[in-house]
Amino acid sequence: MTTFILAILFCFIACLESTVYGIYEIRVNKNRTAGFLIILLSIIGFIFPITMYLRV
């Protein structure tokens, strides 16, 4: 159970950092395509490991 909590915490922090960078791309660099793609990939990167962990 501890490993699962640590995995969720790690995935959440990585998702948060990537999402903030995606927002930076959209606002500062005016690169909407890359910003939305980074945000989408960060959400997938948050959900996929958790579902794979629960499946085992």
PDB file of N, CA and C in Angstrom:
ATOM      1  N   MET A   1       0.815  -1.191   0.000  1.00  0.00           N
ATOM      2  CA  MET A   1       0.000   0.000   0.000  1.00  0.00           C
ATOM      3  C   MET A   1       0.862   1.259   0.000  1.00  0.00           C
ATOM      4  N   THR A   2       1.977   1.213   0.717  1.00  0.00           N
ATOM      5  CA  THR A   2       2.877   2.360   0.761  1.00  0.00           C
ATOM      6  C   THR A   2       3.462   2.650  -0.609  1.00  0.00           C
ATOM      7  N   THR A   3       3.797   1.602  -1.341  1.00  0.00           N
ATOM      8  CA  THR A   3       4.333   1.776  -2.683  1.00  0.00           C
ATOM      9  C   THR A   3       3.303   2.427  -3.600  1.00  0.00           C
ATOM     10  N   PHE A   4       2.056   2.057  -3.452  1.00  0.00           N
ATOM     11  CA  PHE A   4       0.997   2.633  -4.274  1.00  0.00           C
ATOM     12  C   PHE A   4       0.839   4.125  -3.974  1.00  0.00           C
ATOM     13  N   ILE A   5       0.887   4.494  -2.717  1.00  0.00           N
ATOM     14  CA  ILE A   5       0.769   5.905  -2.333  1.00  0.00           C
ATOM     15  C   ILE A   5       1.951   6.702  -2.878  1.00  0.00           C
ATOM     16  N   LEU A   6       3.147   6.137  -2.797  1.00  0.00           N
ATOM     17  CA  LEU A   6       4.321   6.826  -3.334  1.00  0.00           C
ATOM     18  C   LEU A   6       4.249   6.954  -4.854  1.00  0.00           C
ATOM     19  N   ALA A   7       3.726   5.938  -5.522  1.00  0.00           N
ATOM     20  CA  ALA A   7       3.575   6.005  -6.972  1.00  0.00           C
ATOM     21  C   ALA A   7       2.573   7.084  -7.356  1.00  0.00           C
ATOM     22  N   ILE A   8       1.453   7.159  -6.641  1.00  0.00           N
ATOM     23  CA  ILE A   8       0.467   8.205  -6.920  1.00  0.00           C
ATOM     24  C   ILE A   8       1.068   9.583  -6.662  1.00  0.00           C
ATOM     25  N   LEU A   9       1.795   9.735  -5.585  1.00  0.00           N
ATOM     26  CA  LEU A   9       2.417  11.014  -5.257  1.00  0.00           C
ATOM     27  C   LEU A   9       3.415  11.431  -6.328  1.00  0.00           C
ATOM     28  N   PHE A  10       4.246  10.504  -6.757  1.00  0.00           N
ATOM     29  CA  PHE A  10       5.223  10.801  -7.802  1.00  0.00           C
ATOM     30  C   PHE A  10       4.534  11.177  -9.112  1.00  0.00           C
ATOM     31  N   CYS A  11       3.509  10.425  -9.489  1.00  0.00           N
ATOM     32  CA  CYS A  11       2.775  10.722 -10.726  1.00  0.00           C
ATOM     33  C   CYS A  11       2.075  12.075 -10.638  1.00  0.00           C
ATOM     34  N   PHE A  12       1.538  12.397  -9.483  1.00  0.00           N
ATOM     35  CA  PHE A  12       0.861  13.680  -9.304  1.00  0.00           C
ATOM     36  C   PHE A  12       1.832  14.846  -9.428  1.00  0.00           C
ATOM     37  N   ILE A  13       3.005  14.728  -8.817  1.00  0.00           N
ATOM     38  CA  ILE A  13       3.998  15.797  -8.886  1.00  0.00           C
ATOM     39  C   ILE A  13       4.494  15.967 -10.316  1.00  0.00           C
ATOM     40  N   ALA A  14       4.745  14.855 -11.013  1.00  0.00           N
ATOM     41  CA  ALA A  14       5.189  14.939 -12.405  1.00  0.00           C
ATOM     42  C   ALA A  14       4.102  15.552 -13.283  1.00  0.00           C
ATOM     43  N   CYS A  15       2.851  15.193 -13.041  1.00  0.00           N
ATOM     44  CA  CYS A  15       1.733  15.762 -13.799  1.00  0.00           C
ATOM     45  C   CYS A  15       1.606  17.255 -13.524  1.00  0.00           C
ATOM     46  N   LEU A  16       1.750  17.653 -12.300  1.00  0.00           N
ATOM     47  CA  LEU A  16       1.642  19.063 -11.932  1.00  0.00           C
ATOM     48  C   LEU A  16       2.741  19.893 -12.594  1.00  0.00           C
ATOM     49  N   GLU A  17       3.980  19.406 -12.553  1.00  0.00           N
ATOM     50  CA  GLU A  17       5.084  20.132 -13.167  1.00  0.00           C
ATOM     51  C   GLU A  17       4.897  20.242 -14.680  1.00  0.00           C
ATOM     52  N   SER A  18       4.477  19.167 -15.308  1.00  0.00           N
ATOM     53  CA  SER A  18       4.273  19.193 -16.751  1.00  0.00           C
ATOM     54  C   SER A  18       3.121  20.104 -17.139  1.00  0.00           C
ATOM     55  N   THR A  19       2.075  20.099 -16.351  1.00  0.00           N
ATOM     56  CA  THR A  19       0.933  20.970 -16.639  1.00  0.00           C
ATOM     57  C   THR A  19       1.321  22.437 -16.510  1.00  0.00           C
ATOM     58  N   VAL A  20       2.097  22.761 -15.495  1.00  0.00           N
ATOM     59  CA  VAL A  20       2.553  24.141 -15.327  1.00  0.00           C
ATOM     60  C   VAL A  20       3.427  24.555 -16.507  1.00  0.00           C
ATOM     61  N   TYR A  21       4.272  23.651 -16.986  1.00  0.00           N
ATOM     62  CA  TYR A  21       5.097  23.975 -18.150  1.00  0.00           C
ATOM     63  C   TYR A  21       4.238  24.140 -19.396  1.00  0.00           C
ATOM     64  N   GLY A  22       3.192  23.342 -19.540  1.00  0.00           N
ATOM     65  CA  GLY A  22       2.277  23.493 -20.661  1.00  0.00           C
ATOM     66  C   GLY A  22       1.577  24.850 -20.630  1.00  0.00           C
ATOM     67  N   ILE A  23       1.175  25.288 -19.453  1.00  0.00           N
ATOM     68  CA  ILE A  23       0.555  26.607 -19.315  1.00  0.00           C
ATOM     69  C   ILE A  23       1.568  27.704 -19.652  1.00  0.00           C
ATOM     70  N   TYR A  24       2.817  27.494 -19.267  1.00  0.00           N
ATOM     71  CA  TYR A  24       3.875  28.444 -19.616  1.00  0.00           C
ATOM     72  C   TYR A  24       4.042  28.537 -21.134  1.00  0.00           C
ATOM     73  N   GLU A  25       4.023  27.396 -21.798  1.00  0.00           N
ATOM     74  CA  GLU A  25       4.139  27.385 -23.258  1.00  0.00           C
ATOM     75  C   GLU A  25       2.992  28.156 -23.900  1.00  0.00           C
ATOM     76  N   ILE A  26       1.789  27.983 -23.372  1.00  0.00           N
ATOM     77  CA  ILE A  26       0.624  28.650 -23.952  1.00  0.00           C
ATOM     78  C   ILE A  26       0.686  30.154 -23.717  1.00  0.00           C
ATOM     79  N   ARG A  27       0.992  30.572 -22.510  1.00  0.00           N
ATOM     80  CA  ARG A  27       0.921  32.002 -22.157  1.00  0.00           C
ATOM     81  C   ARG A  27       2.141  32.798 -22.621  1.00  0.00           C
ATOM     82  N   VAL A  28       3.330  32.301 -22.325  1.00  0.00           N
ATOM     83  CA  VAL A  28       4.536  33.092 -22.572  1.00  0.00           C
ATOM     84  C   VAL A  28       5.035  32.923 -24.006  1.00  0.00           C
ATOM     85  N   ASN A  29       5.159  31.684 -24.450  1.00  0.00           N
ATOM     86  CA  ASN A  29       5.719  31.429 -25.771  1.00  0.00           C
ATOM     87  C   ASN A  29       4.680  31.469 -26.881  1.00  0.00           C
ATOM     88  N   LYS A  30       3.415  31.616 -26.518  1.00  0.00           N
ATOM     89  CA  LYS A  30       2.308  31.669 -27.492  1.00  0.00           C
ATOM     90  C   LYS A  30       2.283  30.438 -28.399  1.00  0.00           C
ATOM     91  N   ASN A  31       2.632  29.298 -27.831  1.00  0.00           N
ATOM     92  CA  ASN A  31       2.657  28.050 -28.577  1.00  0.00           C
ATOM     93  C   ASN A  31       1.532  27.165 -28.043  1.00  0.00           C
ATOM     94  N   ARG A  32       0.325  27.361 -28.573  1.00  0.00           N
ATOM     95  CA  ARG A  32      -0.856  26.670 -28.047  1.00  0.00           C
ATOM     96  C   ARG A  32      -0.815  25.171 -28.334  1.00  0.00           C
ATOM     97  N   THR A  33      -0.364  24.793 -29.513  1.00  0.00           N
ATOM     98  CA  THR A  33      -0.364  23.376 -29.876  1.00  0.00           C
ATOM     99  C   THR A  33       0.523  22.567 -28.927  1.00  0.00           C
ATOM    100  N   ALA A  34       1.732  23.036 -28.730  1.00  0.00           N
ATOM    101  CA  ALA A  34       2.655  22.325 -27.837  1.00  0.00           C
ATOM    102  C   ALA A  34       2.163  22.350 -26.399  1.00  0.00           C
ATOM    103  N   GLY A  35       1.600  23.460 -25.973  1.00  0.00           N
ATOM    104  CA  GLY A  35       1.102  23.567 -24.603  1.00  0.00           C
ATOM    105  C   GLY A  35      -0.008  22.580 -24.322  1.00  0.00           C
ATOM    106  N   PHE A  36      -0.981  22.507 -25.234  1.00  0.00           N
ATOM    107  CA  PHE A  36      -2.079  21.564 -25.040  1.00  0.00           C
ATOM    108  C   PHE A  36      -1.603  20.111 -25.141  1.00  0.00           C
ATOM    109  N   LEU A  37      -0.642  19.863 -26.015  1.00  0.00           N
ATOM    110  CA  LEU A  37      -0.109  18.508 -26.148  1.00  0.00           C
ATOM    111  C   LEU A  37       0.631  18.086 -24.883  1.00  0.00           C
ATOM    112  N   ILE A  38       1.392  18.985 -24.305  1.00  0.00           N
ATOM    113  CA  ILE A  38       2.110  18.687 -23.062  1.00  0.00           C
ATOM    114  C   ILE A  38       1.127  18.419 -21.924  1.00  0.00           C
ATOM    115  N   ILE A  39       0.077  19.215 -21.848  1.00  0.00           N
ATOM    116  CA  ILE A  39      -0.934  19.007 -20.802  1.00  0.00           C
ATOM    117  C   ILE A  39      -1.635  17.668 -20.999  1.00  0.00           C
ATOM    118  N   LEU A  40      -1.969  17.336 -22.237  1.00  0.00           N
ATOM    119  CA  LEU A  40      -2.618  16.051 -22.523  1.00  0.00           C
ATOM    120  C   LEU A  40      -1.711  14.876 -22.162  1.00  0.00           C
ATOM    121  N   LEU A  41      -0.455  14.958 -22.536  1.00  0.00           N
ATOM    122  CA  LEU A  41       0.483  13.879 -22.211  1.00  0.00           C
ATOM    123  C   LEU A  41       0.723  13.767 -20.701  1.00  0.00           C
ATOM    124  N   SER A  42       0.698  14.878 -20.000  1.00  0.00           N
ATOM    125  CA  SER A  42       0.888  14.810 -18.551  1.00  0.00           C
ATOM    126  C   SER A  42      -0.308  14.145 -17.871  1.00  0.00           C
ATOM    127  N   ILE A  43      -1.501  14.382 -18.379  1.00  0.00           N
ATOM    128  CA  ILE A  43      -2.687  13.716 -17.817  1.00  0.00           C
ATOM    129  C   ILE A  43      -2.639  12.216 -18.103  1.00  0.00           C
ATOM    130  N   ILE A  44      -2.255  11.860 -19.315  1.00  0.00           N
ATOM    131  CA  ILE A  44      -2.112  10.436 -19.650  1.00  0.00           C
ATOM    132  C   ILE A  44      -1.028   9.801 -18.787  1.00  0.00           C
ATOM    133  N   GLY A  45       0.065  10.533 -18.584  1.00  0.00           N
ATOM    134  CA  GLY A  45       1.146  10.031 -17.741  1.00  0.00           C
ATOM    135  C   GLY A  45       0.768   9.918 -16.279  1.00  0.00           C
ATOM    136  N   PHE A  46      -0.289  10.586 -15.875  1.00  0.00           N
ATOM    137  CA  PHE A  46      -0.776  10.462 -14.503  1.00  0.00           C
ATOM    138  C   PHE A  46      -1.731   9.276 -14.370  1.00  0.00           C
ATOM    139  N   ILE A  47      -2.589   9.088 -15.352  1.00  0.00           N
ATOM    140  CA  ILE A  47      -3.612   8.046 -15.266  1.00  0.00           C
ATOM    141  C   ILE A  47      -3.054   6.659 -15.593  1.00  0.00           C
ATOM    142  N   PHE A  48      -2.229   6.551 -16.630  1.00  0.00           N
ATOM    143  CA  PHE A  48      -1.750   5.250 -17.100  1.00  0.00           C
ATOM    144  C   PHE A  48      -0.988   4.442 -16.039  1.00  0.00           C
ATOM    145  N   PRO A  49       0.007   5.012 -15.346  1.00  0.00           N
ATOM    146  CA  PRO A  49       0.718   4.201 -14.338  1.00  0.00           C
ATOM    147  C   PRO A  49      -0.183   3.731 -13.199  1.00  0.00           C
ATOM    148  N   ILE A  50      -1.135   4.562 -12.821  1.00  0.00           N
ATOM    149  CA  ILE A  50      -2.032   4.167 -11.718  1.00  0.00           C
ATOM    150  C   ILE A  50      -2.919   3.013 -12.138  1.00  0.00           C
ATOM    151  N   THR A  51      -3.465   3.064 -13.356  1.00  0.00           N
ATOM    152  CA  THR A  51      -4.298   1.965 -13.819  1.00  0.00           C
ATOM    153  C   THR A  51      -3.496   0.682 -13.996  1.00  0.00           C
ATOM    154  N   MET A  52      -2.256   0.803 -14.447  1.00  0.00           N
ATOM    155  CA  MET A  52      -1.413  -0.393 -14.599  1.00  0.00           C
ATOM    156  C   MET A  52      -1.055  -0.969 -13.223  1.00  0.00           C
ATOM    157  N   TYR A  53      -0.856  -0.109 -12.259  1.00  0.00           N
ATOM    158  CA  TYR A  53      -0.532  -0.588 -10.905  1.00  0.00           C
ATOM    159  C   TYR A  53      -1.719  -1.315 -10.293  1.00  0.00           C
ATOM    160  N   LEU A  54      -2.925  -0.802 -10.503  1.00  0.00           N
ATOM    161  CA  LEU A  54      -4.116  -1.435  -9.948  1.00  0.00           C
ATOM    162  C   LEU A  54      -4.477  -2.731 -10.661  1.00  0.00           C
ATOM    163  N   ARG A  55      -4.079  -2.859 -11.902  1.00  0.00           N
ATOM    164  CA  ARG A  55      -4.410  -4.032 -12.691  1.00  0.00           C
ATOM    165  C   ARG A  55      -3.646  -5.261 -12.245  1.00  0.00           C
ATOM    166  N   VAL A  56      -2.467  -5.069 -11.686  1.00  0.00           N
ATOM    167  CA  VAL A  56      -1.602  -6.204 -11.295  1.00  0.00           C
ATOM    168  C   VAL A  56      -2.055  -6.840 -10.041  1.00  0.00           C
TER     169      VAL A  56
END
